Amino acid sequence: MENNLFGPLLGEVGNLTKLQTLFLTDNMLTGEIPKGVSNLIELVEINLGLNKFVGSLPMEIFNISGMRVIELLGNNLTGTLPLNIGSMLPNIEGLFLISSMHLFGTIPHSLSNCSKLIYLDLGNNRLTGLISNSLGYLTHLKYLFLEGNYLISDTTLSFLTSLSNCRHLKLLEISGNPLNGVLPISLGNLSGTSLLHFKASNCIIKGEIPREIGNLSSLIDLDLSGNGLIGSIPTTISNLRFLQLFNLSHNKLSGFIGDDLCKLQNLGYLHLTQNQLSGSIPNCLGNLTSL
């Protein structure tokens, strides 16, 4: 990894049938990923990210049942996720297909059968369709990146309700999808002791911010900017004592900026521009020395 290797990955790599880890990230490798990779039946981790591979997403990789980590981010590949991915990769723990992976189609429902999945990164692709409630079956999930796609949901964003089953979830990034719904009260049922980052900017989210968001007491990063949120900033935000980044800019929020924000002693970034807020700025904000 992190060398200056260039040229194609030769098909002869398929002769290394005892290979368990193939780690060639951050080089300048080009061409297609050879089909001979399917011969590496003992492979548990393949990392070819941050290269210049082109062509189709290699389905052969998904046929290695013992695979635990697939990392192909930052290449120029195209294709769809296998419909039966859940039965093909029963041991997968990390799936990294973010950025420049021109994935299209839907997120297969069978993905919920990948019960060992911890990292799921499908951001910045061309995925469409509903975000399935079945993601809630991934009870070991810690990191979920779905940002920058064309994914949708029902009007109640019920997939957020289903994710309350993922009690180890640390990061939820869904920004830049046309979700077009309302934040559910059940948002407060997400794991308050583990969730650190919740980013849902530019998602066409409407309605009010539920008071129950104050249950997410471990949050350090909350970004709901660029939506159509109305109403006031809930006073329960004061419960988010670890919050460092708070972005509600470019919404339609009204009312006053309350003293509740002054209880966020770790706050370093507060962004409220382009709303309909009124009144004075609380003097106590001057006591937030990290701001």
C-alpha atoms as a PDB file:
ATOM      1  CA  MET A   1       0.000   0.000   0.000  1.00  0.00           C
ATOM      2  CA  GLU A   2       0.934   3.666  -0.534  1.00  0.00           C
ATOM      3  CA  ASN A   3       3.690   3.057  -3.068  1.00  0.00           C
ATOM      4  CA  ASN A   4       4.124   4.175  -6.674  1.00  0.00           C
ATOM      5  CA  LEU A   5       3.019   0.956  -8.325  1.00  0.00           C
ATOM      6  CA  PHE A   6       1.519   1.477 -11.777  1.00  0.00           C
ATOM      7  CA  GLY A   7       0.237  -0.556 -14.688  1.00  0.00           C
ATOM      8  CA  PRO A   8      -2.331  -3.378 -14.599  1.00  0.00           C
ATOM      9  CA  LEU A   9      -2.881  -5.957 -11.909  1.00  0.00           C
ATOM     10  CA  LEU A  10      -1.841  -9.094 -13.783  1.00  0.00           C
ATOM     11  CA  GLY A  11      -4.172 -12.045 -14.067  1.00  0.00           C
ATOM     12  CA  GLU A  12      -1.444 -14.263 -12.647  1.00  0.00           C
ATOM     13  CA  VAL A  13      -2.410 -12.948  -9.220  1.00  0.00           C
ATOM     14  CA  GLY A  14      -5.014 -15.701  -9.396  1.00  0.00           C
ATOM     15  CA  ASN A  15      -2.238 -18.275  -9.019  1.00  0.00           C
ATOM     16  CA  LEU A  16      -1.657 -17.189  -5.414  1.00  0.00           C
ATOM     17  CA  THR A  17      -4.353 -19.545  -4.207  1.00  0.00           C
ATOM     18  CA  LYS A  18      -3.232 -19.505  -0.566  1.00  0.00           C
ATOM     19  CA  LEU A  19      -3.367 -15.700  -0.367  1.00  0.00           C
ATOM     20  CA  GLN A  20      -5.513 -14.389   2.485  1.00  0.00           C
ATOM     21  CA  THR A  21      -4.921 -10.624   2.222  1.00  0.00           C
ATOM     22  CA  LEU A  22      -4.424  -8.529  -0.921  1.00  0.00           C
ATOM     23  CA  PHE A  23      -3.563  -4.974   0.051  1.00  0.00           C
ATOM     24  CA  LEU A  24      -2.607  -2.641  -2.840  1.00  0.00           C
ATOM     25  CA  THR A  25      -4.364   0.563  -1.826  1.00  0.00           C
ATOM     26  CA  ASP A  26      -3.217   4.058  -2.804  1.00  0.00           C
ATOM     27  CA  ASN A  27      -1.159   3.305  -5.892  1.00  0.00           C
ATOM     28  CA  MET A  28      -1.609   4.047  -9.599  1.00  0.00           C
ATOM     29  CA  LEU A  29      -2.792   0.667 -10.805  1.00  0.00           C
ATOM     30  CA  THR A  30      -4.877   0.771 -13.982  1.00  0.00           C
ATOM     31  CA  GLY A  31      -7.003  -1.453 -16.190  1.00  0.00           C
ATOM     32  CA  GLU A  32      -9.621  -3.922 -15.064  1.00  0.00           C
ATOM     33  CA  ILE A  33      -9.496  -6.002 -11.907  1.00  0.00           C
ATOM     34  CA  PRO A  34      -8.625  -9.469 -13.267  1.00  0.00           C
ATOM     35  CA  LYS A  35     -11.194 -12.241 -13.127  1.00  0.00           C
ATOM     36  CA  GLY A  36      -8.491 -14.515 -11.745  1.00  0.00           C
ATOM     37  CA  VAL A  37      -9.142 -12.981  -8.345  1.00  0.00           C
ATOM     38  CA  SER A  38     -11.957 -15.519  -8.057  1.00  0.00           C
ATOM     39  CA  ASN A  39      -9.290 -18.235  -7.663  1.00  0.00           C
ATOM     40  CA  LEU A  40      -8.193 -16.728  -4.350  1.00  0.00           C
ATOM     41  CA  ILE A  41     -10.675 -18.805  -2.404  1.00  0.00           C
ATOM     42  CA  GLU A  42      -8.907 -18.274   0.930  1.00  0.00           C
ATOM     43  CA  LEU A  43      -8.966 -14.483   0.615  1.00  0.00           C
ATOM     44  CA  VAL A  44     -10.447 -12.698   3.646  1.00  0.00           C
ATOM     45  CA  GLU A  45      -9.524  -9.099   2.786  1.00  0.00           C
ATOM     46  CA  ILE A  46      -9.066  -7.304  -0.516  1.00  0.00           C
ATOM     47  CA  ASN A  47      -8.117  -3.641  -0.579  1.00  0.00           C
ATOM     48  CA  LEU A  48      -7.637  -2.085  -4.006  1.00  0.00           C
ATOM     49  CA  GLY A  49      -8.889   1.382  -3.101  1.00  0.00           C
ATOM     50  CA  LEU A  50      -7.450   4.677  -4.329  1.00  0.00           C
ATOM     51  CA  ASN A  51      -6.153   3.352  -7.625  1.00  0.00           C
ATOM     52  CA  LYS A  52      -7.291   3.923 -11.220  1.00  0.00           C
ATOM     53  CA  PHE A  53      -9.069   0.694 -11.988  1.00  0.00           C
ATOM     54  CA  VAL A  54     -11.791   0.864 -14.637  1.00  0.00           C
ATOM     55  CA  GLY A  55     -14.449  -1.435 -16.012  1.00  0.00           C
ATOM     56  CA  SER A  56     -17.149  -3.398 -14.283  1.00  0.00           C
ATOM     57  CA  LEU A  57     -17.415  -4.124 -10.592  1.00  0.00           C
ATOM     58  CA  PRO A  58     -15.817  -7.583 -10.396  1.00  0.00           C
ATOM     59  CA  MET A  59     -18.564 -10.010  -9.410  1.00  0.00           C
ATOM     60  CA  GLU A  60     -15.875 -12.649  -8.832  1.00  0.00           C
ATOM     61  CA  ILE A  61     -14.914 -10.950  -5.571  1.00  0.00           C
ATOM     62  CA  PHE A  62     -18.413 -11.498  -4.219  1.00  0.00           C
ATOM     63  CA  ASN A  63     -18.131 -15.270  -4.767  1.00  0.00           C
ATOM     64  CA  ILE A  64     -15.455 -15.730  -2.077  1.00  0.00           C
ATOM     65  CA  SER A  65     -17.602 -16.725   0.875  1.00  0.00           C
ATOM     66  CA  GLY A  66     -14.898 -16.249   3.511  1.00  0.00           C
ATOM     67  CA  MET A  67     -14.341 -12.615   2.576  1.00  0.00           C
ATOM     68  CA  ARG A  68     -14.499 -10.222   5.527  1.00  0.00           C
ATOM     69  CA  VAL A  69     -13.413  -6.895   3.980  1.00  0.00           C
ATOM     70  CA  ILE A  70     -13.891  -5.528   0.445  1.00  0.00           C
ATOM     71  CA  GLU A  71     -12.378  -2.079  -0.126  1.00  0.00           C
ATOM     72  CA  LEU A  72     -12.579  -0.672  -3.662  1.00  0.00           C
ATOM     73  CA  LEU A  73     -13.139   3.023  -2.980  1.00  0.00           C
ATOM     74  CA  GLY A  74     -11.910   5.790  -5.255  1.00  0.00           C
ATOM     75  CA  ASN A  75     -11.698   3.848  -8.514  1.00  0.00           C
ATOM     76  CA  ASN A  76     -13.670   4.222 -11.736  1.00  0.00           C
ATOM     77  CA  LEU A  77     -15.718   1.045 -11.646  1.00  0.00           C
ATOM     78  CA  THR A  78     -19.344   0.625 -12.563  1.00  0.00           C
ATOM     79  CA  GLY A  79     -22.047  -1.936 -11.866  1.00  0.00           C
ATOM     80  CA  THR A  80     -24.674  -3.070  -9.402  1.00  0.00           C
ATOM     81  CA  LEU A  81     -24.554  -4.919  -6.123  1.00  0.00           C
ATOM     82  CA  PRO A  82     -25.489  -8.618  -6.461  1.00  0.00           C
ATOM     83  CA  LEU A  83     -29.123  -9.218  -5.541  1.00  0.00           C
ATOM     84  CA  ASN A  84     -28.141 -12.219  -3.399  1.00  0.00           C
ATOM     85  CA  ILE A  85     -25.172 -10.517  -1.729  1.00  0.00           C
ATOM     86  CA  GLY A  86     -26.415 -11.693   1.664  1.00  0.00           C
ATOM     87  CA  SER A  87     -25.896 -15.365   0.826  1.00  0.00           C
ATOM     88  CA  MET A  88     -22.684 -14.740  -1.141  1.00  0.00           C
ATOM     89  CA  LEU A  89     -20.853 -12.905   1.654  1.00  0.00           C
ATOM     90  CA  PRO A  90     -22.064 -14.379   4.963  1.00  0.00           C
ATOM     91  CA  ASN A  91     -18.856 -13.324   6.770  1.00  0.00           C
ATOM     92  CA  ILE A  92     -18.460  -9.791   5.438  1.00  0.00           C
ATOM     93  CA  GLU A  93     -17.635  -7.195   8.097  1.00  0.00           C
ATOM     94  CA  GLY A  94     -16.570  -4.229   5.977  1.00  0.00           C
ATOM     95  CA  LEU A  95     -17.864  -3.160   2.556  1.00  0.00           C
ATOM     96  CA  PHE A  96     -16.242   0.032   1.238  1.00  0.00           C
ATOM     97  CA  LEU A  97     -17.471   1.086  -2.203  1.00  0.00           C
ATOM     98  CA  ILE A  98     -17.534   4.864  -1.736  1.00  0.00           C
ATOM     99  CA  SER A  99     -16.647   7.589  -4.233  1.00  0.00           C
ATOM    100  CA  SER A 100     -15.974   7.150  -7.944  1.00  0.00           C
ATOM    101  CA  MET A 101     -17.516   3.703  -7.751  1.00  0.00           C
ATOM    102  CA  HIS A 102     -20.295   4.303 -10.245  1.00  0.00           C
ATOM    103  CA  LEU A 103     -22.703   1.926  -8.569  1.00  0.00           C
ATOM    104  CA  PHE A 104     -26.275   2.124  -9.755  1.00  0.00           C
ATOM    105  CA  GLY A 105     -29.456   0.228  -9.030  1.00  0.00           C
ATOM    106  CA  THR A 106     -30.859  -0.432  -5.586  1.00  0.00           C
ATOM    107  CA  ILE A 107     -29.401  -1.623  -2.290  1.00  0.00           C
ATOM    108  CA  PRO A 108     -30.343  -5.327  -2.274  1.00  0.00           C
ATOM    109  CA  HIS A 109     -32.757  -6.403   0.427  1.00  0.00           C
ATOM    110  CA  SER A 110     -30.570  -9.471   1.032  1.00  0.00           C
ATOM    111  CA  LEU A 111     -27.815  -7.214   2.380  1.00  0.00           C
ATOM    112  CA  SER A 112     -29.629  -7.464   5.701  1.00  0.00           C
ATOM    113  CA  ASN A 113     -28.486 -11.107   5.851  1.00  0.00           C
ATOM    114  CA  CYS A 114     -24.853  -9.968   6.149  1.00  0.00           C
ATOM    115  CA  SER A 115     -25.298 -10.197   9.895  1.00  0.00           C
ATOM    116  CA  LYS A 116     -21.616  -9.577  10.751  1.00  0.00           C
ATOM    117  CA  LEU A 117     -21.437  -6.269   8.880  1.00  0.00           C
ATOM    118  CA  ILE A 118     -19.805  -3.447  10.865  1.00  0.00           C
ATOM    119  CA  TYR A 119     -18.813  -0.939   8.154  1.00  0.00           C
ATOM    120  CA  LEU A 120     -21.102  -0.200   5.207  1.00  0.00           C
ATOM    121  CA  ASP A 121     -19.888   2.580   2.945  1.00  0.00           C
ATOM    122  CA  LEU A 122     -21.847   3.104  -0.277  1.00  0.00           C
ATOM    123  CA  GLY A 123     -21.561   6.894  -0.402  1.00  0.00           C
ATOM    124  CA  ASN A 124     -21.208   9.069  -3.503  1.00  0.00           C
ATOM    125  CA  ASN A 125     -22.550   6.637  -6.058  1.00  0.00           C
ATOM    126  CA  ARG A 126     -25.711   6.546  -8.177  1.00  0.00           C
ATOM    127  CA  LEU A 127     -27.840   4.260  -6.062  1.00  0.00           C
ATOM    128  CA  THR A 128     -31.606   4.664  -6.283  1.00  0.00           C
ATOM    129  CA  GLY A 129     -34.712   3.271  -4.638  1.00  0.00           C
ATOM    130  CA  LEU A 130     -35.888   3.004  -1.058  1.00  0.00           C
ATOM    131  CA  ILE A 131     -33.561   2.770   1.903  1.00  0.00           C
ATOM    132  CA  SER A 132     -34.842  -0.507   3.265  1.00  0.00           C
ATOM    133  CA  ASN A 133     -36.037  -0.963   6.832  1.00  0.00           C
ATOM    134  CA  SER A 134     -34.227  -4.293   6.728  1.00  0.00           C
ATOM    135  CA  LEU A 135     -30.970  -2.460   7.475  1.00  0.00           C
ATOM    136  CA  GLY A 136     -32.150  -2.635  11.052  1.00  0.00           C
ATOM    137  CA  TYR A 137     -31.280  -6.340  11.043  1.00  0.00           C
ATOM    138  CA  LEU A 138     -27.573  -5.423  10.857  1.00  0.00           C
ATOM    139  CA  THR A 139     -27.274  -5.359  14.615  1.00  0.00           C
ATOM    140  CA  HIS A 140     -23.450  -5.162  14.627  1.00  0.00           C
ATOM    141  CA  LEU A 141     -23.391  -2.126  12.334  1.00  0.00           C
ATOM    142  CA  LYS A 142     -21.233   0.772  13.573  1.00  0.00           C
ATOM    143  CA  TYR A 143     -20.706   2.930  10.478  1.00  0.00           C
ATOM    144  CA  LEU A 144     -23.316   3.582   7.782  1.00  0.00           C
ATOM    145  CA  PHE A 145     -22.450   5.879   4.868  1.00  0.00           C
ATOM    146  CA  LEU A 146     -25.151   6.375   2.225  1.00  0.00           C
ATOM    147  CA  GLU A 147     -24.514  10.028   1.351  1.00  0.00           C
ATOM    148  CA  GLY A 148     -24.497  11.464  -2.156  1.00  0.00           C
ATOM    149  CA  ASN A 149     -26.834   9.012  -3.865  1.00  0.00           C
ATOM    150  CA  TYR A 150     -30.423   9.224  -5.155  1.00  0.00           C
ATOM    151  CA  LEU A 151     -31.977   7.177  -2.377  1.00  0.00           C
ATOM    152  CA  ILE A 152     -35.495   7.855  -1.127  1.00  0.00           C
ATOM    153  CA  SER A 153     -37.699   6.821   1.784  1.00  0.00           C
ATOM    154  CA  ASP A 154     -41.304   6.953   2.852  1.00  0.00           C
ATOM    155  CA  THR A 155     -42.635  10.191   4.326  1.00  0.00           C
ATOM    156  CA  THR A 156     -41.889   9.094   7.888  1.00  0.00           C
ATOM    157  CA  LEU A 157     -38.294   8.085   7.123  1.00  0.00           C
ATOM    158  CA  SER A 158     -39.101   4.755   8.728  1.00  0.00           C
ATOM    159  CA  PHE A 159     -35.636   3.357   7.999  1.00  0.00           C
ATOM    160  CA  LEU A 160     -34.430   5.601  10.848  1.00  0.00           C
ATOM    161  CA  THR A 161     -36.843   3.799  13.141  1.00  0.00           C
ATOM    162  CA  SER A 162     -35.471   0.432  12.064  1.00  0.00           C
ATOM    163  CA  LEU A 163     -31.899   1.541  12.774  1.00  0.00           C
ATOM    164  CA  SER A 164     -32.789   1.784  16.467  1.00  0.00           C
ATOM    165  CA  ASN A 165     -32.032  -1.960  16.497  1.00  0.00           C
ATOM    166  CA  CYS A 166     -28.393  -1.161  15.673  1.00  0.00           C
ATOM    167  CA  ARG A 167     -27.297  -0.485  19.239  1.00  0.00           C
ATOM    168  CA  HIS A 168     -23.614  -0.059  18.307  1.00  0.00           C
ATOM    169  CA  LEU A 169     -24.155   2.540  15.570  1.00  0.00           C
ATOM    170  CA  LYS A 170     -21.568   5.319  15.836  1.00  0.00           C
ATOM    171  CA  LEU A 171     -21.939   7.169  12.533  1.00  0.00           C
ATOM    172  CA  LEU A 172     -24.964   7.721  10.305  1.00  0.00           C
ATOM    173  CA  GLU A 173     -24.351   9.741   7.134  1.00  0.00           C
ATOM    174  CA  ILE A 174     -27.293  10.104   4.726  1.00  0.00           C
ATOM    175  CA  SER A 175     -26.716  13.623   3.362  1.00  0.00           C
ATOM    176  CA  GLY A 176     -27.460  14.518  -0.231  1.00  0.00           C
ATOM    177  CA  ASN A 177     -30.301  12.049  -0.847  1.00  0.00           C
ATOM    178  CA  PRO A 178     -33.818  13.250  -1.838  1.00  0.00           C
ATOM    179  CA  LEU A 179     -35.508  11.616   1.154  1.00  0.00           C
ATOM    180  CA  ASN A 180     -38.433  14.061   1.195  1.00  0.00           C
ATOM    181  CA  GLY A 181     -39.846  13.178   4.587  1.00  0.00           C
ATOM    182  CA  VAL A 182     -40.224  14.169   8.234  1.00  0.00           C
ATOM    183  CA  LEU A 183     -37.877  13.259  11.074  1.00  0.00           C
ATOM    184  CA  PRO A 184     -39.722  10.670  13.183  1.00  0.00           C
ATOM    185  CA  ILE A 185     -40.094  10.862  16.953  1.00  0.00           C
ATOM    186  CA  SER A 186     -38.361   7.488  16.992  1.00  0.00           C
ATOM    187  CA  LEU A 187     -35.149   9.287  15.999  1.00  0.00           C
ATOM    188  CA  GLY A 188     -34.595   9.558  19.728  1.00  0.00           C
ATOM    189  CA  ASN A 189     -34.489   5.751  19.947  1.00  0.00           C
ATOM    190  CA  LEU A 190     -31.219   5.525  18.042  1.00  0.00           C
ATOM    191  CA  SER A 191     -28.457   4.442  20.354  1.00  0.00           C
ATOM    192  CA  GLY A 192     -27.944   7.443  22.603  1.00  0.00           C
ATOM    193  CA  THR A 193     -24.858   5.907  24.164  1.00  0.00           C
ATOM    194  CA  SER A 194     -22.989   5.126  20.939  1.00  0.00           C
ATOM    195  CA  LEU A 195     -24.147   7.465  18.135  1.00  0.00           C
ATOM    196  CA  LEU A 196     -21.511  10.159  17.665  1.00  0.00           C
ATOM    197  CA  HIS A 197     -22.236  11.543  14.193  1.00  0.00           C
ATOM    198  CA  PHE A 198     -25.597  12.153  12.523  1.00  0.00           C
ATOM    199  CA  LYS A 199     -25.475  13.941   9.179  1.00  0.00           C
ATOM    200  CA  ALA A 200     -28.606  14.484   7.116  1.00  0.00           C
ATOM    201  CA  SER A 201     -27.985  17.695   5.183  1.00  0.00           C
ATOM    202  CA  ASN A 202     -29.657  18.490   1.852  1.00  0.00           C
ATOM    203  CA  CYS A 203     -32.223  15.696   2.101  1.00  0.00           C
ATOM    204  CA  ILE A 204     -35.477  17.660   1.599  1.00  0.00           C
ATOM    205  CA  ILE A 205     -36.417  16.913   5.208  1.00  0.00           C
ATOM    206  CA  LYS A 206     -39.473  18.868   6.339  1.00  0.00           C
ATOM    207  CA  GLY A 207     -41.432  19.415   9.529  1.00  0.00           C
ATOM    208  CA  GLU A 208     -40.083  20.098  12.989  1.00  0.00           C
ATOM    209  CA  ILE A 209     -37.023  18.751  14.745  1.00  0.00           C
ATOM    210  CA  PRO A 210     -38.446  16.272  17.295  1.00  0.00           C
ATOM    211  CA  ARG A 211     -37.749  16.939  20.962  1.00  0.00           C
ATOM    212  CA  GLU A 212     -36.577  13.366  21.241  1.00  0.00           C
ATOM    213  CA  ILE A 213     -33.362  14.296  19.456  1.00  0.00           C
ATOM    214  CA  GLY A 214     -32.173  15.265  22.925  1.00  0.00           C
ATOM    215  CA  ASN A 215     -31.957  11.552  23.758  1.00  0.00           C
ATOM    216  CA  LEU A 216     -28.890  11.215  21.531  1.00  0.00           C
ATOM    217  CA  SER A 217     -26.699  12.260  24.404  1.00  0.00           C
ATOM    218  CA  SER A 218     -23.373  11.081  22.922  1.00  0.00           C
ATOM    219  CA  LEU A 219     -23.590  13.119  19.707  1.00  0.00           C
ATOM    220  CA  ILE A 220     -20.564  15.225  18.827  1.00  0.00           C
ATOM    221  CA  ASP A 221     -21.640  16.103  15.275  1.00  0.00           C
ATOM    222  CA  LEU A 222     -25.194  17.021  14.210  1.00  0.00           C
ATOM    223  CA  ASP A 223     -25.780  18.386  10.703  1.00  0.00           C
ATOM    224  CA  LEU A 224     -29.336  18.980   9.453  1.00  0.00           C
ATOM    225  CA  SER A 225     -28.493  21.891   7.168  1.00  0.00           C
ATOM    226  CA  GLY A 226     -30.005  22.568   3.760  1.00  0.00           C
ATOM    227  CA  ASN A 227     -33.437  21.116   4.463  1.00  0.00           C
ATOM    228  CA  GLY A 228     -36.919  22.594   4.985  1.00  0.00           C
ATOM    229  CA  LEU A 229     -37.139  22.291   8.751  1.00  0.00           C
ATOM    230  CA  ILE A 230     -39.635  24.566  10.494  1.00  0.00           C
ATOM    231  CA  GLY A 231     -40.527  25.431  14.076  1.00  0.00           C
ATOM    232  CA  SER A 232     -38.083  26.294  16.825  1.00  0.00           C
ATOM    233  CA  ILE A 233     -34.802  24.758  17.909  1.00  0.00           C
ATOM    234  CA  PRO A 234     -35.921  22.231  20.566  1.00  0.00           C
ATOM    235  CA  THR A 235     -34.794  23.032  24.097  1.00  0.00           C
ATOM    236  CA  THR A 236     -33.761  19.396  24.534  1.00  0.00           C
ATOM    237  CA  ILE A 237     -30.677  20.166  22.442  1.00  0.00           C
ATOM    238  CA  SER A 238     -29.165  21.200  25.769  1.00  0.00           C
ATOM    239  CA  ASN A 239     -28.905  17.482  26.618  1.00  0.00           C
ATOM    240  CA  LEU A 240     -26.263  17.005  23.944  1.00  0.00           C
ATOM    241  CA  ARG A 241     -23.425  17.958  26.271  1.00  0.00           C
ATOM    242  CA  PHE A 242     -20.692  16.470  24.049  1.00  0.00           C
ATOM    243  CA  LEU A 243     -21.806  18.271  20.875  1.00  0.00           C
ATOM    244  CA  GLN A 244     -18.945  19.940  19.003  1.00  0.00           C
ATOM    245  CA  LEU A 245     -20.475  20.672  15.597  1.00  0.00           C
ATOM    246  CA  PHE A 246     -24.065  21.893  15.253  1.00  0.00           C
ATOM    247  CA  ASN A 247     -25.327  22.924  11.813  1.00  0.00           C
ATOM    248  CA  LEU A 248     -28.946  23.949  11.203  1.00  0.00           C
ATOM    249  CA  SER A 249     -28.219  26.477   8.463  1.00  0.00           C
ATOM    250  CA  HIS A 250     -30.400  26.953   5.378  1.00  0.00           C
ATOM    251  CA  ASN A 251     -33.705  25.825   6.868  1.00  0.00           C
ATOM    252  CA  LYS A 252     -36.894  27.677   7.827  1.00  0.00           C
ATOM    253  CA  LEU A 253     -36.484  27.617  11.596  1.00  0.00           C
ATOM    254  CA  SER A 254     -38.131  30.406  13.577  1.00  0.00           C
ATOM    255  CA  GLY A 255     -38.290  31.668  17.149  1.00  0.00           C
ATOM    256  CA  PHE A 256     -35.455  32.709  19.425  1.00  0.00           C
ATOM    257  CA  ILE A 257     -31.958  31.415  19.991  1.00  0.00           C
ATOM    258  CA  GLY A 258     -32.427  30.127  23.514  1.00  0.00           C
ATOM    259  CA  ASP A 259     -30.061  29.964  26.457  1.00  0.00           C
ATOM    260  CA  ASP A 260     -30.193  26.182  26.087  1.00  0.00           C
ATOM    261  CA  LEU A 261     -27.324  26.353  23.611  1.00  0.00           C
ATOM    262  CA  CYS A 262     -25.124  27.803  26.333  1.00  0.00           C
ATOM    263  CA  LYS A 263     -25.093  24.413  28.040  1.00  0.00           C
ATOM    264  CA  LEU A 264     -23.140  22.920  25.136  1.00  0.00           C
ATOM    265  CA  GLN A 265     -19.757  23.540  26.702  1.00  0.00           C
ATOM    266  CA  ASN A 266     -17.856  21.565  24.041  1.00  0.00           C
ATOM    267  CA  LEU A 267     -19.395  23.370  21.087  1.00  0.00           C
ATOM    268  CA  GLY A 268     -16.819  24.500  18.543  1.00  0.00           C
ATOM    269  CA  TYR A 269     -18.971  25.166  15.468  1.00  0.00           C
ATOM    270  CA  LEU A 270     -22.463  26.684  15.461  1.00  0.00           C
ATOM    271  CA  HIS A 271     -24.051  27.439  12.094  1.00  0.00           C
ATOM    272  CA  LEU A 272     -27.577  28.925  12.021  1.00  0.00           C
ATOM    273  CA  THR A 273     -27.424  31.154   8.945  1.00  0.00           C
ATOM    274  CA  GLN A 274     -30.315  31.427   6.458  1.00  0.00           C
ATOM    275  CA  ASN A 275     -33.204  30.736   8.812  1.00  0.00           C
ATOM    276  CA  GLN A 276     -36.023  32.915  10.153  1.00  0.00           C
ATOM    277  CA  LEU A 277     -34.730  33.268  13.702  1.00  0.00           C
ATOM    278  CA  SER A 278     -35.322  36.482  15.606  1.00  0.00           C
ATOM    279  CA  GLY A 279     -34.452  38.220  18.846  1.00  0.00           C
ATOM    280  CA  SER A 280     -31.097  38.766  20.483  1.00  0.00           C
ATOM    281  CA  ILE A 281     -28.094  36.477  20.726  1.00  0.00           C
ATOM    282  CA  PRO A 282     -27.778  35.135  24.292  1.00  0.00           C
ATOM    283  CA  ASN A 283     -24.878  36.704  26.152  1.00  0.00           C
ATOM    284  CA  CYS A 284     -24.024  33.345  27.686  1.00  0.00           C
ATOM    285  CA  LEU A 285     -22.775  32.115  24.324  1.00  0.00           C
ATOM    286  CA  GLY A 286     -19.684  34.124  25.165  1.00  0.00           C
ATOM    287  CA  ASN A 287     -18.906  31.552  27.853  1.00  0.00           C
ATOM    288  CA  LEU A 288     -18.463  28.794  25.247  1.00  0.00           C
ATOM    289  CA  THR A 289     -14.702  29.041  25.077  1.00  0.00           C
ATOM    290  CA  SER A 290     -14.378  26.291  22.443  1.00  0.00           C
ATOM    291  CA  LEU A 291     -16.622  28.122  19.994  1.00  0.00           C
END
